Protein backbone atom coordinates (compact mmCIF):
# COMPACT_ATOMS: atom_id res chain seq x y z
CA MET A 1 3.46 2.01 -26.81
CA LEU A 2 3.36 4.56 -24.01
CA GLY A 3 5.34 7.77 -23.92
CA GLU A 4 8.35 8.38 -21.70
CA GLU A 5 6.24 10.30 -19.16
CA GLU A 6 3.93 7.32 -18.57
CA TYR A 7 6.91 5.01 -18.06
CA GLU A 8 8.43 7.51 -15.63
CA ARG A 9 5.22 7.74 -13.55
CA THR A 10 4.88 3.95 -13.54
CA ALA A 11 8.49 3.58 -12.37
CA GLU A 12 7.71 6.04 -9.55
CA LEU A 13 4.71 3.89 -8.58
CA PHE A 14 6.91 0.81 -8.32
CA GLY A 15 9.45 2.85 -6.35
CA THR A 16 6.74 3.79 -3.88
CA LEU A 17 5.74 0.14 -3.54
CA ALA A 18 9.38 -1.00 -3.15
CA SER A 19 8.99 -1.28 0.63
CA PRO A 20 7.81 -4.46 2.36
CA ARG A 21 5.84 -2.38 4.89
CA ARG A 22 4.07 -0.36 2.20
CA LEU A 23 3.19 -3.55 0.31
CA ALA A 24 1.77 -4.98 3.53
CA LEU A 25 -0.24 -1.80 4.14
CA VAL A 26 -1.72 -1.83 0.64
CA GLU A 27 -2.55 -5.52 0.94
CA ARG A 28 -4.18 -4.99 4.35
CA LEU A 29 -6.15 -1.92 3.25
CA ALA A 30 -7.33 -3.72 0.11
CA HIS A 31 -9.30 -6.02 2.43
CA ALA A 32 -10.88 -3.32 4.60
CA PRO A 33 -10.32 0.28 5.70
CA ALA A 34 -8.45 0.68 9.00
CA SER A 35 -7.06 3.20 11.45
CA VAL A 36 -3.35 3.70 12.12
CA GLY A 37 -3.74 1.84 15.40
CA GLU A 38 -5.40 -1.14 13.73
CA LEU A 39 -2.75 -1.21 11.02
CA ALA A 40 0.07 -1.03 13.56
CA GLU A 41 -1.45 -3.91 15.50
CA ASP A 42 -2.08 -6.01 12.38
CA LEU A 43 1.46 -5.48 11.05
CA GLY A 44 3.16 -5.66 14.44
CA VAL A 45 4.97 -2.33 14.06
CA ALA A 46 4.92 1.01 15.86
CA GLN A 47 2.23 3.55 15.00
CA PRO A 48 4.76 6.27 14.01
CA LEU A 49 6.28 3.90 11.44
CA VAL A 50 2.83 3.10 10.03
CA SER A 51 2.05 6.82 9.85
CA GLN A 52 5.30 7.49 8.00
CA HIS A 53 4.54 4.82 5.38
CA LEU A 54 0.95 6.00 5.04
CA ARG A 55 2.24 9.51 4.36
CA VAL A 56 4.29 8.15 1.43
CA LEU A 57 1.29 6.19 0.11
CA ARG A 58 -0.99 9.23 0.48
CA HIS A 59 1.53 11.44 -1.35
CA ALA A 60 1.50 8.91 -4.21
CA ARG A 61 -2.32 8.99 -4.12
CA LEU A 62 -2.53 5.25 -3.45
CA VAL A 63 -4.41 5.55 -0.15
CA ARG A 64 -6.55 8.22 1.47
CA GLY A 65 -7.65 8.99 4.97
CA ARG A 66 -11.21 9.79 5.99
CA ARG A 67 -11.54 11.78 9.18
CA ASP A 68 -14.32 11.00 11.64
CA GLY A 69 -13.85 13.32 14.59
CA ARG A 70 -10.37 12.61 15.94
CA SER A 71 -10.06 9.27 14.18
CA VAL A 72 -8.77 8.76 10.62
CA THR A 73 -9.62 5.64 8.66
CA TYR A 74 -7.41 4.78 5.68
CA GLU A 75 -8.45 3.01 2.51
CA VAL A 76 -7.00 2.09 -0.87
CA VAL A 77 -7.80 4.68 -3.54
CA ASP A 78 -6.87 2.73 -6.65
CA GLU A 79 -8.07 -0.85 -6.98
CA HIS A 80 -5.66 -1.37 -9.90
CA VAL A 81 -2.74 -0.92 -7.52
CA ALA A 82 -4.33 -3.29 -5.00
CA HIS A 83 -4.58 -5.90 -7.76
CA VAL A 84 -0.95 -5.37 -8.82
CA VAL A 85 0.16 -5.90 -5.21
CA ALA A 86 -2.08 -8.96 -4.80
CA ASP A 87 -0.79 -10.46 -8.06
CA ALA A 88 2.84 -9.80 -7.14
CA LEU A 89 2.36 -11.41 -3.72
CA ALA A 90 0.57 -14.39 -5.29
CA HIS A 91 3.45 -14.76 -7.73
CA GLU A 92 5.94 -14.77 -4.84
CA ARG A 93 3.92 -17.37 -2.93
CA GLU A 94 3.86 -19.62 -6.01
CA THR A 95 7.55 -19.07 -6.68
CA ASP A 96 8.42 -19.67 -3.03
CA GLY A 97 6.66 -23.04 -3.18
CA ALA A 98 8.77 -24.03 -6.19
CA ARG A 99 12.09 -23.32 -4.41
């Protein structure tokens, strides 16, 4: 059994992922790195909103940005988290089909 600190950090992780937009960003970045502009286009939302969510994900150390001149490309840092998101979305798709 884990200690209280590990449960606390894990709860914070789920809190960070408790946004549909952040889940979509992690899912998208799990497939391939992308710029803010590409992510905004793929998700159909404004670039400032994407940047705001990426800031939260970066702070939680779930994604990172790699600068190339003026452009920044974002990628998933932790494949475990990408798998958790993929599994949760797969679960929802299966559950949705049973409704």
